[in-house]
Amino acid sequence: MEQSGIMVYGYTESDARLIRDALEAALGGTLLMLSGSGRESRILEDILSDEASGVYEEGEPKVLMFLGFDDVMVKTALSSFPGADRVARPIFCAPTEQNITWPLSELLEHLEEERNYWKNKEKK
């Protein structure tokens, strides 16, 4: 994938479009948008190389994966993400050498475990 984009999980299509539109406005370019919903058993690398947008379904966890973003783009996207009054804030992530070979369901479990770890750590 050469074009920058996002993969979302747990969002309706209208919410996913709202997110993409806000990020495109902030970044000043066009973003490819994919959905992982309904593809939980597929390997992440296969989902990302498919480039079919997928099915958009409300669900948990809500995830947004940055595809082809550099550090500046990530910072811009994080600071310009639509407010909670418009759309729920996701777990943000990016593909890595390790997680690219996982089924999406495994990545989702891992992201939830990380989120819970940090939430519990903050409470202490």
PDB file of N, CA and C in Angstrom:
ATOM      1  N   MET A   1       0.849  -1.166   0.000  1.00  0.00           N
ATOM      2  CA  MET A   1       0.000   0.000   0.000  1.00  0.00           C
ATOM      3  C   MET A   1       0.898   1.233   0.000  1.00  0.00           C
ATOM      4  N   GLU A   2       0.799   2.038  -1.019  1.00  0.00           N
ATOM      5  CA  GLU A   2       1.619   3.245  -1.120  1.00  0.00           C
ATOM      6  C   GLU A   2       0.883   4.466  -0.590  1.00  0.00           C
ATOM      7  N   GLN A   3      -0.418   4.533  -0.813  1.00  0.00           N
ATOM      8  CA  GLN A   3      -1.198   5.670  -0.351  1.00  0.00           C
ATOM      9  C   GLN A   3      -1.421   5.561   1.155  1.00  0.00           C
ATOM     10  N   SER A   4      -1.378   6.681   1.836  1.00  0.00           N
ATOM     11  CA  SER A   4      -1.701   6.691   3.263  1.00  0.00           C
ATOM     12  C   SER A   4      -3.179   6.409   3.432  1.00  0.00           C
ATOM     13  N   GLY A   5      -3.508   5.805   4.568  1.00  0.00           N
ATOM     14  CA  GLY A   5      -4.899   5.492   4.809  1.00  0.00           C
ATOM     15  C   GLY A   5      -5.151   5.132   6.252  1.00  0.00           C
ATOM     16  N   ILE A   6      -6.366   4.695   6.483  1.00  0.00           N
ATOM     17  CA  ILE A   6      -6.764   4.230   7.804  1.00  0.00           C
ATOM     18  C   ILE A   6      -7.559   2.940   7.661  1.00  0.00           C
ATOM     19  N   MET A   7      -7.410   2.080   8.648  1.00  0.00           N
ATOM     20  CA  MET A   7      -8.303   0.938   8.772  1.00  0.00           C
ATOM     21  C   MET A   7      -9.057   1.143  10.069  1.00  0.00           C
ATOM     22  N   VAL A   8     -10.369   1.077   9.993  1.00  0.00           N
ATOM     23  CA  VAL A   8     -11.196   1.246  11.173  1.00  0.00           C
ATOM     24  C   VAL A   8     -11.856  -0.071  11.526  1.00  0.00           C
ATOM     25  N   TYR A   9     -12.198  -0.187  12.803  1.00  0.00           N
ATOM     26  CA  TYR A   9     -12.932  -1.353  13.280  1.00  0.00           C
ATOM     27  C   TYR A   9     -13.906  -0.859  14.342  1.00  0.00           C
ATOM     28  N   GLY A  10     -15.148  -1.327  14.266  1.00  0.00           N
ATOM     29  CA  GLY A  10     -16.147  -0.999  15.272  1.00  0.00           C
ATOM     30  C   GLY A  10     -16.959   0.247  14.993  1.00  0.00           C
ATOM     31  N   TYR A  11     -16.821   0.812  13.799  1.00  0.00           N
ATOM     32  CA  TYR A  11     -17.545   2.025  13.435  1.00  0.00           C
ATOM     33  C   TYR A  11     -18.547   1.752  12.319  1.00  0.00           C
ATOM     34  N   THR A  12     -19.652   2.479  12.366  1.00  0.00           N
ATOM     35  CA  THR A  12     -20.580   2.460  11.240  1.00  0.00           C
ATOM     36  C   THR A  12     -19.904   3.159  10.067  1.00  0.00           C
ATOM     37  N   GLU A  13     -20.439   2.978   8.887  1.00  0.00           N
ATOM     38  CA  GLU A  13     -19.836   3.631   7.722  1.00  0.00           C
ATOM     39  C   GLU A  13     -19.912   5.146   7.836  1.00  0.00           C
ATOM     40  N   SER A  14     -21.008   5.677   8.357  1.00  0.00           N
ATOM     41  CA  SER A  14     -21.120   7.135   8.469  1.00  0.00           C
ATOM     42  C   SER A  14     -20.102   7.688   9.458  1.00  0.00           C
ATOM     43  N   ASP A  15     -19.867   7.003  10.575  1.00  0.00           N
ATOM     44  CA  ASP A  15     -18.848   7.451  11.532  1.00  0.00           C
ATOM     45  C   ASP A  15     -17.447   7.325  10.933  1.00  0.00           C
ATOM     46  N   ALA A  16     -17.203   6.239  10.199  1.00  0.00           N
ATOM     47  CA  ALA A  16     -15.894   6.047   9.566  1.00  0.00           C
ATOM     48  C   ALA A  16     -15.629   7.161   8.547  1.00  0.00           C
ATOM     49  N   ARG A  17     -16.640   7.534   7.796  1.00  0.00           N
ATOM     50  CA  ARG A  17     -16.482   8.619   6.821  1.00  0.00           C
ATOM     51  C   ARG A  17     -16.234   9.961   7.521  1.00  0.00           C
ATOM     52  N   LEU A  18     -16.917  10.190   8.633  1.00  0.00           N
ATOM     53  CA  LEU A  18     -16.707  11.411   9.396  1.00  0.00           C
ATOM     54  C   LEU A  18     -15.252  11.492   9.870  1.00  0.00           C
ATOM     55  N   ILE A  19     -14.728  10.373  10.369  1.00  0.00           N
ATOM     56  CA  ILE A  19     -13.333  10.309  10.812  1.00  0.00           C
ATOM     57  C   ILE A  19     -12.394  10.580   9.641  1.00  0.00           C
ATOM     58  N   ARG A  20     -12.599   9.858   8.543  1.00  0.00           N
ATOM     59  CA  ARG A  20     -11.733  10.043   7.375  1.00  0.00           C
ATOM     60  C   ARG A  20     -11.771  11.474   6.879  1.00  0.00           C
ATOM     61  N   ASP A  21     -12.962  12.049   6.778  1.00  0.00           N
ATOM     62  CA  ASP A  21     -13.089  13.420   6.279  1.00  0.00           C
ATOM     63  C   ASP A  21     -12.354  14.408   7.190  1.00  0.00           C
ATOM     64  N   ALA A  22     -12.457  14.231   8.503  1.00  0.00           N
ATOM     65  CA  ALA A  22     -11.770  15.124   9.443  1.00  0.00           C
ATOM     66  C   ALA A  22     -10.256  14.996   9.305  1.00  0.00           C
ATOM     67  N   LEU A  23      -9.776  13.766   9.151  1.00  0.00           N
ATOM     68  CA  LEU A  23      -8.335  13.554   9.017  1.00  0.00           C
ATOM     69  C   LEU A  23      -7.825  14.065   7.675  1.00  0.00           C
ATOM     70  N   GLU A  24      -8.596  13.866   6.619  1.00  0.00           N
ATOM     71  CA  GLU A  24      -8.194  14.399   5.314  1.00  0.00           C
ATOM     72  C   GLU A  24      -8.096  15.926   5.355  1.00  0.00           C
ATOM     73  N   ALA A  25      -9.042  16.574   6.017  1.00  0.00           N
ATOM     74  CA  ALA A  25      -9.017  18.029   6.118  1.00  0.00           C
ATOM     75  C   ALA A  25      -7.780  18.487   6.892  1.00  0.00           C
ATOM     76  N   ALA A  26      -7.460  17.783   7.965  1.00  0.00           N
ATOM     77  CA  ALA A  26      -6.312  18.160   8.793  1.00  0.00           C
ATOM     78  C   ALA A  26      -4.989  17.892   8.080  1.00  0.00           C
ATOM     79  N   LEU A  27      -4.943  16.796   7.323  1.00  0.00           N
ATOM     80  CA  LEU A  27      -3.697  16.389   6.672  1.00  0.00           C
ATOM     81  C   LEU A  27      -3.538  16.973   5.274  1.00  0.00           C
ATOM     82  N   GLY A  28      -4.631  17.475   4.714  1.00  0.00           N
ATOM     83  CA  GLY A  28      -4.567  18.086   3.397  1.00  0.00           C
ATOM     84  C   GLY A  28      -4.375  17.101   2.261  1.00  0.00           C
ATOM     85  N   GLY A  29      -4.969  15.928   2.376  1.00  0.00           N
ATOM     86  CA  GLY A  29      -4.845  14.938   1.306  1.00  0.00           C
ATOM     87  C   GLY A  29      -5.938  13.898   1.381  1.00  0.00           C
ATOM     88  N   THR A  30      -5.920  12.977   0.436  1.00  0.00           N
ATOM     89  CA  THR A  30      -6.906  11.907   0.379  1.00  0.00           C
ATOM     90  C   THR A  30      -6.371  10.675   1.081  1.00  0.00           C
ATOM     91  N   LEU A  31      -7.211  10.041   1.894  1.00  0.00           N
ATOM     92  CA  LEU A  31      -6.833   8.823   2.617  1.00  0.00           C
ATOM     93  C   LEU A  31      -7.660   7.642   2.126  1.00  0.00           C
ATOM     94  N   LEU A  32      -6.996   6.524   1.953  1.00  0.00           N
ATOM     95  CA  LEU A  32      -7.677   5.269   1.686  1.00  0.00           C
ATOM     96  C   LEU A  32      -8.358   4.857   2.985  1.00  0.00           C
ATOM     97  N   MET A  33      -9.560   4.288   2.907  1.00  0.00           N
ATOM     98  CA  MET A  33     -10.252   3.845   4.110  1.00  0.00           C
ATOM     99  C   MET A  33     -10.666   2.388   3.954  1.00  0.00           C
ATOM    100  N   LEU A  34     -10.265   1.585   4.916  1.00  0.00           N
ATOM    101  CA  LEU A  34     -10.625   0.172   4.964  1.00  0.00           C
ATOM    102  C   LEU A  34     -11.357  -0.105   6.260  1.00  0.00           C
ATOM    103  N   SER A  35     -12.150  -1.171   6.266  1.00  0.00           N
ATOM    104  CA  SER A  35     -12.796  -1.609   7.493  1.00  0.00           C
ATOM    105  C   SER A  35     -12.372  -3.043   7.792  1.00  0.00           C
ATOM    106  N   GLY A  36     -12.121  -3.301   9.068  1.00  0.00           N
ATOM    107  CA  GLY A  36     -11.795  -4.658   9.497  1.00  0.00           C
ATOM    108  C   GLY A  36     -13.007  -5.436   9.954  1.00  0.00           C
ATOM    109  N   SER A  37     -14.141  -4.766  10.120  1.00  0.00           N
ATOM    110  CA  SER A  37     -15.345  -5.439  10.607  1.00  0.00           C
ATOM    111  C   SER A  37     -15.729  -6.594   9.691  1.00  0.00           C
ATOM    112  N   GLY A  38     -16.062  -7.717  10.307  1.00  0.00           N
ATOM    113  CA  GLY A  38     -16.428  -8.909   9.553  1.00  0.00           C
ATOM    114  C   GLY A  38     -15.233  -9.698   9.041  1.00  0.00           C
ATOM    115  N   ARG A  39     -14.021  -9.249   9.349  1.00  0.00           N
ATOM    116  CA  ARG A  39     -12.804  -9.906   8.863  1.00  0.00           C
ATOM    117  C   ARG A  39     -11.919 -10.379  10.031  1.00  0.00           C
ATOM    118  N   GLU A  40     -12.509 -10.586  11.159  1.00  0.00           N
ATOM    119  CA  GLU A  40     -11.754 -10.888  12.372  1.00  0.00           C
ATOM    120  C   GLU A  40     -10.862 -12.112  12.251  1.00  0.00           C
ATOM    121  N   SER A  41     -11.228 -13.086  11.472  1.00  0.00           N
ATOM    122  CA  SER A  41     -10.423 -14.309  11.356  1.00  0.00           C
ATOM    123  C   SER A  41      -9.316 -14.183  10.307  1.00  0.00           C
ATOM    124  N   ARG A  42      -9.316 -13.106   9.536  1.00  0.00           N
ATOM    125  CA  ARG A  42      -8.300 -12.930   8.484  1.00  0.00           C
ATOM    126  C   ARG A  42      -7.020 -12.320   9.049  1.00  0.00           C
ATOM    127  N   ILE A  43      -5.909 -12.648   8.415  1.00  0.00           N
ATOM    128  CA  ILE A  43      -4.605 -12.112   8.796  1.00  0.00           C
ATOM    129  C   ILE A  43      -4.564 -10.625   8.406  1.00  0.00           C
ATOM    130  N   LEU A  44      -4.020  -9.812   9.297  1.00  0.00           N
ATOM    131  CA  LEU A  44      -3.985  -8.369   9.085  1.00  0.00           C
ATOM    132  C   LEU A  44      -3.352  -8.006   7.741  1.00  0.00           C
ATOM    133  N   GLU A  45      -2.241  -8.633   7.401  1.00  0.00           N
ATOM    134  CA  GLU A  45      -1.566  -8.348   6.130  1.00  0.00           C
ATOM    135  C   GLU A  45      -2.492  -8.570   4.938  1.00  0.00           C
ATOM    136  N   ASP A  46      -3.316  -9.620   4.991  1.00  0.00           N
ATOM    137  CA  ASP A  46      -4.255  -9.904   3.902  1.00  0.00           C
ATOM    138  C   ASP A  46      -5.343  -8.839   3.820  1.00  0.00           C
ATOM    139  N   ILE A  47      -5.823  -8.400   4.982  1.00  0.00           N
ATOM    140  CA  ILE A  47      -6.849  -7.346   4.996  1.00  0.00           C
ATOM    141  C   ILE A  47      -6.299  -6.075   4.363  1.00  0.00           C
ATOM    142  N   LEU A  48      -5.072  -5.720   4.740  1.00  0.00           N
ATOM    143  CA  LEU A  48      -4.483  -4.476   4.251  1.00  0.00           C
ATOM    144  C   LEU A  48      -4.130  -4.532   2.770  1.00  0.00           C
ATOM    145  N   SER A  49      -3.782  -5.702   2.267  1.00  0.00           N
ATOM    146  CA  SER A  49      -3.438  -5.813   0.850  1.00  0.00           C
ATOM    147  C   SER A  49      -4.672  -5.963  -0.029  1.00  0.00           C
ATOM    148  N   ASP A  50      -5.801  -6.312   0.563  1.00  0.00           N
ATOM    149  CA  ASP A  50      -7.052  -6.494  -0.162  1.00  0.00           C
ATOM    150  C   ASP A  50      -7.553  -5.174  -0.740  1.00  0.00           C
ATOM    151  N   GLU A  51      -7.430  -4.101   0.022  1.00  0.00           N
ATOM    152  CA  GLU A  51      -7.860  -2.762  -0.367  1.00  0.00           C
ATOM    153  C   GLU A  51      -9.342  -2.656  -0.714  1.00  0.00           C
ATOM    154  N   ALA A  52     -10.137  -3.674  -0.385  1.00  0.00           N
ATOM    155  CA  ALA A  52     -11.591  -3.544  -0.470  1.00  0.00           C
ATOM    156  C   ALA A  52     -12.031  -2.894   0.833  1.00  0.00           C
ATOM    157  N   SER A  53     -12.967  -2.000   0.769  1.00  0.00           N
ATOM    158  CA  SER A  53     -13.301  -1.220   1.959  1.00  0.00           C
ATOM    159  C   SER A  53     -13.898  -2.068   3.076  1.00  0.00           C
ATOM    160  N   GLY A  54     -14.622  -3.135   2.761  1.00  0.00           N
ATOM    161  CA  GLY A  54     -15.180  -4.004   3.788  1.00  0.00           C
ATOM    162  C   GLY A  54     -16.549  -3.579   4.263  1.00  0.00           C
ATOM    163  N   VAL A  55     -16.963  -4.220   5.345  1.00  0.00           N
ATOM    164  CA  VAL A  55     -18.259  -3.988   5.968  1.00  0.00           C
ATOM    165  C   VAL A  55     -18.029  -3.064   7.154  1.00  0.00           C
ATOM    166  N   TYR A  56     -18.945  -2.175   7.400  1.00  0.00           N
ATOM    167  CA  TYR A  56     -18.823  -1.254   8.530  1.00  0.00           C
ATOM    168  C   TYR A  56     -19.904  -1.597   9.536  1.00  0.00           C
ATOM    169  N   GLU A  57     -19.477  -1.972  10.745  1.00  0.00           N
ATOM    170  CA  GLU A  57     -20.418  -2.367  11.788  1.00  0.00           C
ATOM    171  C   GLU A  57     -20.023  -1.730  13.113  1.00  0.00           C
ATOM    172  N   GLU A  58     -21.026  -1.273  13.839  1.00  0.00           N
ATOM    173  CA  GLU A  58     -20.823  -0.757  15.182  1.00  0.00           C
ATOM    174  C   GLU A  58     -20.353  -1.906  16.061  1.00  0.00           C
ATOM    175  N   GLY A  59     -19.337  -1.678  16.860  1.00  0.00           N
ATOM    176  CA  GLY A  59     -18.848  -2.731  17.739  1.00  0.00           C
ATOM    177  C   GLY A  59     -17.733  -2.248  18.631  1.00  0.00           C
ATOM    178  N   GLU A  60     -17.232  -3.158  19.427  1.00  0.00           N
ATOM    179  CA  GLU A  60     -16.128  -2.880  20.352  1.00  0.00           C
ATOM    180  C   GLU A  60     -15.057  -3.923  20.152  1.00  0.00           C
ATOM    181  N   PRO A  61     -13.825  -3.587  20.302  1.00  0.00           N
ATOM    182  CA  PRO A  61     -13.329  -2.248  20.578  1.00  0.00           C
ATOM    183  C   PRO A  61     -13.344  -1.415  19.313  1.00  0.00           C
ATOM    184  N   LYS A  62     -13.350  -0.130  19.484  1.00  0.00           N
ATOM    185  CA  LYS A  62     -13.210   0.772  18.344  1.00  0.00           C
ATOM    186  C   LYS A  62     -11.710   0.983  18.130  1.00  0.00           C
ATOM    187  N   VAL A  63     -11.268   0.760  16.894  1.00  0.00           N
ATOM    188  CA  VAL A  63      -9.842   0.817  16.578  1.00  0.00           C
ATOM    189  C   VAL A  63      -9.645   1.627  15.305  1.00  0.00           C
ATOM    190  N   LEU A  64      -8.561   2.402  15.288  1.00  0.00           N
ATOM    191  CA  LEU A  64      -8.142   3.092  14.077  1.00  0.00           C
ATOM    192  C   LEU A  64      -6.662   2.794  13.886  1.00  0.00           C
ATOM    193  N   MET A  65      -6.349   2.172  12.743  1.00  0.00           N
ATOM    194  CA  MET A  65      -4.965   1.841  12.417  1.00  0.00           C
ATOM    195  C   MET A  65      -4.468   2.828  11.372  1.00  0.00           C
ATOM    196  N   PHE A  66      -3.339   3.474  11.678  1.00  0.00           N
ATOM    197  CA  PHE A  66      -2.707   4.386  10.735  1.00  0.00           C
ATOM    198  C   PHE A  66      -1.904   3.569   9.722  1.00  0.00           C
ATOM    199  N   LEU A  67      -2.104   3.841   8.445  1.00  0.00           N
ATOM    200  CA  LEU A  67      -1.418   3.122   7.371  1.00  0.00           C
ATOM    201  C   LEU A  67      -0.571   4.107   6.572  1.00  0.00           C
ATOM    202  N   GLY A  68       0.736   3.922   6.609  1.00  0.00           N
ATOM    203  CA  GLY A  68       1.633   4.777   5.850  1.00  0.00           C
ATOM    204  C   GLY A  68       1.774   6.183   6.408  1.00  0.00           C
ATOM    205  N   PHE A  69       1.479   6.373   7.687  1.00  0.00           N
ATOM    206  CA  PHE A  69       1.613   7.686   8.321  1.00  0.00           C
ATOM    207  C   PHE A  69       3.021   7.831   8.876  1.00  0.00           C
ATOM    208  N   ASP A  70       3.591   9.034   8.728  1.00  0.00           N
ATOM    209  CA  ASP A  70       4.845   9.325   9.422  1.00  0.00           C
ATOM    210  C   ASP A  70       4.491   9.951  10.776  1.00  0.00           C
ATOM    211  N   ASP A  71       5.500  10.258  11.579  1.00  0.00           N
ATOM    212  CA  ASP A  71       5.264  10.785  12.924  1.00  0.00           C
ATOM    213  C   ASP A  71       4.461  12.081  12.921  1.00  0.00           C
ATOM    214  N   VAL A  72       4.757  12.970  11.985  1.00  0.00           N
ATOM    215  CA  VAL A  72       4.047  14.243  11.904  1.00  0.00           C
ATOM    216  C   VAL A  72       2.577  14.007  11.574  1.00  0.00           C
ATOM    217  N   MET A  73       2.310  13.099  10.650  1.00  0.00           N
ATOM    218  CA  MET A  73       0.926  12.795  10.281  1.00  0.00           C
ATOM    219  C   MET A  73       0.167  12.202  11.466  1.00  0.00           C
ATOM    220  N   VAL A  74       0.815  11.320  12.222  1.00  0.00           N
ATOM    221  CA  VAL A  74       0.165  10.719  13.390  1.00  0.00           C
ATOM    222  C   VAL A  74      -0.179  11.808  14.408  1.00  0.00           C
ATOM    223  N   LYS A  75       0.760  12.683  14.702  1.00  0.00           N
ATOM    224  CA  LYS A  75       0.503  13.767  15.668  1.00  0.00           C
ATOM    225  C   LYS A  75      -0.637  14.660  15.201  1.00  0.00           C
ATOM    226  N   THR A  76      -0.648  14.978  13.920  1.00  0.00           N
ATOM    227  CA  THR A  76      -1.718  15.813  13.365  1.00  0.00           C
ATOM    228  C   THR A  76      -3.059  15.100  13.473  1.00  0.00           C
ATOM    229  N   ALA A  77      -3.081  13.822  13.133  1.00  0.00           N
ATOM    230  CA  ALA A  77      -4.323  13.047  13.191  1.00  0.00           C
ATOM    231  C   ALA A  77      -4.846  12.946  14.615  1.00  0.00           C
ATOM    232  N   LEU A  78      -3.962  12.698  15.566  1.00  0.00           N
ATOM    233  CA  LEU A  78      -4.385  12.585  16.963  1.00  0.00           C
ATOM    234  C   LEU A  78      -4.968  13.894  17.475  1.00  0.00           C
ATOM    235  N   SER A  79      -4.340  14.994  17.115  1.00  0.00           N
ATOM    236  CA  SER A  79      -4.817  16.289  17.616  1.00  0.00           C
ATOM    237  C   SER A  79      -6.070  16.782  16.900  1.00  0.00           C
ATOM    238  N   SER A  80      -6.331  16.269  15.707  1.00  0.00           N
ATOM    239  CA  SER A  80      -7.498  16.739  14.956  1.00  0.00           C
ATOM    240  C   SER A  80      -8.620  15.703  14.887  1.00  0.00           C
ATOM    241  N   PHE A  81      -8.513  14.644  15.684  1.00  0.00           N
ATOM    242  CA  PHE A  81      -9.566  13.628  15.681  1.00  0.00           C
ATOM    243  C   PHE A  81     -10.874  14.275  16.135  1.00  0.00           C
ATOM    244  N   PRO A  82     -11.996  13.918  15.492  1.00  0.00           N
ATOM    245  CA  PRO A  82     -13.281  14.530  15.866  1.00  0.00           C
ATOM    246  C   PRO A  82     -13.566  14.349  17.361  1.00  0.00           C
ATOM    247  N   GLY A  83     -14.224  15.315  17.947  1.00  0.00           N
ATOM    248  CA  GLY A  83     -14.543  15.282  19.366  1.00  0.00           C
ATOM    249  C   GLY A  83     -15.493  14.160  19.739  1.00  0.00           C
ATOM    250  N   ALA A  84     -15.498  13.834  21.024  1.00  0.00           N
ATOM    251  CA  ALA A  84     -16.345  12.753  21.546  1.00  0.00           C
ATOM    252  C   ALA A  84     -17.829  13.026  21.325  1.00  0.00           C
ATOM    253  N   ASP A  85     -18.188  14.294  21.146  1.00  0.00           N
ATOM    254  CA  ASP A  85     -19.584  14.629  20.865  1.00  0.00           C
ATOM    255  C   ASP A  85     -19.990  14.204  19.455  1.00  0.00           C
ATOM    256  N   ARG A  86     -18.996  13.929  18.612  1.00  0.00           N
ATOM    257  CA  ARG A  86     -19.280  13.534  17.228  1.00  0.00           C
ATOM    258  C   ARG A  86     -19.061  12.044  16.989  1.00  0.00           C
ATOM    259  N   VAL A  87     -17.986  11.484  17.567  1.00  0.00           N
ATOM    260  CA  VAL A  87     -17.663  10.072  17.335  1.00  0.00           C
ATOM    261  C   VAL A  87     -16.770   9.577  18.479  1.00  0.00           C
ATOM    262  N   ALA A  88     -16.957   8.311  18.853  1.00  0.00           N
ATOM    263  CA  ALA A  88     -16.176   7.731  19.952  1.00  0.00           C
ATOM    264  C   ALA A  88     -14.704   7.616  19.566  1.00  0.00           C
ATOM    265  N   ARG A  89     -13.829   7.959  20.507  1.00  0.00           N
ATOM    266  CA  ARG A  89     -12.382   7.893  20.275  1.00  0.00           C
ATOM    267  C   ARG A  89     -11.940   6.426  20.306  1.00  0.00           C
ATOM    268  N   PRO A  90     -11.142   6.010  19.328  1.00  0.00           N
ATOM    269  CA  PRO A  90     -10.724   4.606  19.239  1.00  0.00           C
ATOM    270  C   PRO A  90      -9.404   4.342  19.971  1.00  0.00           C
ATOM    271  N   ILE A  91      -9.003   3.101  19.935  1.00  0.00           N
ATOM    272  CA  ILE A  91      -7.634   2.727  20.260  1.00  0.00           C
ATOM    273  C   ILE A  91      -6.865   2.968  18.962  1.00  0.00           C
ATOM    274  N   PHE A  92      -5.805   3.754  19.030  1.00  0.00           N
ATOM    275  CA  PHE A  92      -4.993   4.032  17.852  1.00  0.00           C
ATOM    276  C   PHE A  92      -3.844   3.033  17.794  1.00  0.00           C
ATOM    277  N   CYS A  93      -3.501   2.611  16.580  1.00  0.00           N
ATOM    278  CA  CYS A  93      -2.400   1.668  16.412  1.00  0.00           C
ATOM    279  C   CYS A  93      -1.841   1.793  14.996  1.00  0.00           C
ATOM    280  N   ALA A  94      -0.805   1.010  14.732  1.00  0.00           N
ATOM    281  CA  ALA A  94      -0.200   0.948  13.399  1.00  0.00           C
ATOM    282  C   ALA A  94       0.258  -0.480  13.160  1.00  0.00           C
ATOM    283  N   PRO A  95       0.377  -0.884  11.905  1.00  0.00           N
ATOM    284  CA  PRO A  95       0.895  -2.222  11.637  1.00  0.00           C
ATOM    285  C   PRO A  95       2.372  -2.298  12.025  1.00  0.00           C
ATOM    286  N   THR A  96       2.771  -3.449  12.559  1.00  0.00           N
ATOM    287  CA  THR A  96       4.170  -3.686  12.923  1.00  0.00           C
ATOM    288  C   THR A  96       4.620  -4.999  12.309  1.00  0.00           C
ATOM    289  N   GLU A  97       5.925  -5.254  12.352  1.00  0.00           N
ATOM    290  CA  GLU A  97       6.435  -6.532  11.851  1.00  0.00           C
ATOM    291  C   GLU A  97       5.784  -7.700  12.582  1.00  0.00           C
ATOM    292  N   GLN A  98       5.493  -7.506  13.855  1.00  0.00           N
ATOM    293  CA  GLN A  98       4.903  -8.578  14.655  1.00  0.00           C
ATOM    294  C   GLN A  98       3.412  -8.744  14.360  1.00  0.00           C
ATOM    295  N   ASN A  99       2.628  -7.657  14.468  1.00  0.00           N
ATOM    296  CA  ASN A  99       1.172  -7.817  14.382  1.00  0.00           C
ATOM    297  C   ASN A  99       0.640  -8.007  12.970  1.00  0.00           C
ATOM    298  N   ILE A 100       1.429  -7.739  11.959  1.00  0.00           N
ATOM    299  CA  ILE A 100       0.970  -7.868  10.572  1.00  0.00           C
ATOM    300  C   ILE A 100       0.638  -9.325  10.224  1.00  0.00           C
ATOM    301  N   THR A 101       1.205 -10.269  10.983  1.00  0.00           N
ATOM    302  CA  THR A 101       0.963 -11.696  10.722  1.00  0.00           C
ATOM    303  C   THR A 101      -0.141 -12.279  11.603  1.00  0.00           C
ATOM    304  N   TRP A 102      -0.735 -11.461  12.446  1.00  0.00           N
ATOM    305  CA  TRP A 102      -1.789 -11.936  13.345  1.00  0.00           C
ATOM    306  C   TRP A 102      -3.156 -11.886  12.673  1.00  0.00           C
ATOM    307  N   PRO A 103      -4.054 -12.782  13.080  1.00  0.00           N
ATOM    308  CA  PRO A 103      -5.462 -12.582  12.708  1.00  0.00           C
ATOM    309  C   PRO A 103      -5.937 -11.281  13.362  1.00  0.00           C
ATOM    310  N   LEU A 104      -6.843 -10.599  12.743  1.00  0.00           N
ATOM    311  CA  LEU A 104      -7.349  -9.346  13.296  1.00  0.00           C
ATOM    312  C   LEU A 104      -7.889  -9.554  14.711  1.00  0.00           C
ATOM    313  N   SER A 105      -8.549 -10.672  14.962  1.00  0.00           N
ATOM    314  CA  SER A 105      -9.094 -10.934  16.301  1.00  0.00           C
ATOM    315  C   SER A 105      -7.997 -10.920  17.366  1.00  0.00           C
ATOM    316  N   GLU A 106      -6.821 -11.432  17.040  1.00  0.00           N
ATOM    317  CA  GLU A 106      -5.703 -11.432  17.979  1.00  0.00           C
ATOM    318  C   GLU A 106      -5.210 -10.008  18.241  1.00  0.00           C
ATOM    319  N   LEU A 107      -5.142  -9.201  17.201  1.00  0.00           N
ATOM    320  CA  LEU A 107      -4.742  -7.811  17.375  1.00  0.00           C
ATOM    321  C   LEU A 107      -5.740  -7.080  18.263  1.00  0.00           C
ATOM    322  N   LEU A 108      -7.026  -7.294  18.031  1.00  0.00           N
ATOM    323  CA  LEU A 108      -8.056  -6.629  18.835  1.00  0.00           C
ATOM    324  C   LEU A 108      -7.925  -7.014  20.307  1.00  0.00           C
ATOM    325  N   GLU A 109      -7.716  -8.312  20.573  1.00  0.00           N
ATOM    326  CA  GLU A 109      -7.521  -8.772  21.957  1.00  0.00           C
ATOM    327  C   GLU A 109      -6.295  -8.106  22.573  1.00  0.00           C
ATOM    328  N   HIS A 110      -5.210  -8.059  21.834  1.00  0.00           N
ATOM    329  CA  HIS A 110      -3.970  -7.462  22.319  1.00  0.00           C
ATOM    330  C   HIS A 110      -4.163  -5.971  22.648  1.00  0.00           C
ATOM    331  N   LEU A 111      -4.845  -5.249  21.777  1.00  0.00           N
ATOM    332  CA  LEU A 111      -5.077  -3.824  21.996  1.00  0.00           C
ATOM    333  C   LEU A 111      -5.944  -3.591  23.226  1.00  0.00           C
ATOM    334  N   GLU A 112      -6.947  -4.427  23.430  1.00  0.00           N
ATOM    335  CA  GLU A 112      -7.795  -4.297  24.619  1.00  0.00           C
ATOM    336  C   GLU A 112      -7.010  -4.598  25.895  1.00  0.00           C
ATOM    337  N   GLU A 113      -6.151  -5.621  25.840  1.00  0.00           N
ATOM    338  CA  GLU A 113      -5.314  -5.943  27.002  1.00  0.00           C
ATOM    339  C   GLU A 113      -4.398  -4.783  27.342  1.00  0.00           C
ATOM    340  N   GLU A 114      -3.784  -4.179  26.330  1.00  0.00           N
ATOM    341  CA  GLU A 114      -2.914  -3.015  26.557  1.00  0.00           C
ATOM    342  C   GLU A 114      -3.691  -1.848  27.159  1.00  0.00           C
ATOM    343  N   ARG A 115      -4.863  -1.579  26.612  1.00  0.00           N
ATOM    344  CA  ARG A 115      -5.683  -0.475  27.128  1.00  0.00           C
ATOM    345  C   ARG A 115      -6.045  -0.724  28.592  1.00  0.00           C
ATOM    346  N   ASN A 116      -6.448  -1.946  28.918  1.00  0.00           N
ATOM    347  CA  ASN A 116      -6.812  -2.271  30.299  1.00  0.00           C
ATOM    348  C   ASN A 116      -5.611  -2.173  31.228  1.00  0.00           C
ATOM    349  N   TYR A 117      -4.442  -2.605  30.774  1.00  0.00           N
ATOM    350  CA  TYR A 117      -3.223  -2.509  31.568  1.00  0.00           C
ATOM    351  C   TYR A 117      -2.953  -1.050  31.947  1.00  0.00           C
ATOM    352  N   TRP A 118      -3.007  -0.153  30.953  1.00  0.00           N
ATOM    353  CA  TRP A 118      -2.695   1.250  31.204  1.00  0.00           C
ATOM    354  C   TRP A 118      -3.771   1.921  32.042  1.00  0.00           C
ATOM    355  N   LYS A 119      -5.038   1.536  31.846  1.00  0.00           N
ATOM    356  CA  LYS A 119      -6.123   2.093  32.687  1.00  0.00           C
ATOM    357  C   LYS A 119      -5.912   1.700  34.138  1.00  0.00           C
ATOM    358  N   ASN A 120      -5.581   0.414  34.368  1.00  0.00           N
ATOM    359  CA  ASN A 120      -5.360  -0.069  35.731  1.00  0.00           C
ATOM    360  C   ASN A 120      -4.127   0.566  36.353  1.00  0.00           C
ATOM    361  N   LYS A 121      -3.105   0.775  35.559  1.00  0.00           N
ATOM    362  CA  LYS A 121      -1.874   1.394  36.053  1.00  0.00           C
ATOM    363  C   LYS A 121      -2.125   2.839  36.475  1.00  0.00           C
ATOM    364  N   GLU A 122      -2.952   3.543  35.721  1.00  0.00           N
ATOM    365  CA  GLU A 122      -3.287   4.933  36.047  1.00  0.00           C
ATOM    366  C   GLU A 122      -4.053   5.036  37.361  1.00  0.00           C
ATOM    367  N   LYS A 123      -4.858   4.025  37.697  1.00  0.00           N
ATOM    368  CA  LYS A 123      -5.652   4.029  38.921  1.00  0.00           C
ATOM    369  C   LYS A 123      -4.800   3.889  40.169  1.00  0.00           C
ATOM    370  N   LYS A 124      -3.618   3.292  40.031  1.00  0.00           N
ATOM    371  CA  LYS A 124      -2.749   3.052  41.196  1.00  0.00           C
ATOM    372  C   LYS A 124      -2.023   4.275  41.657  1.00  0.00           C
TER     373      LYS A 124
END
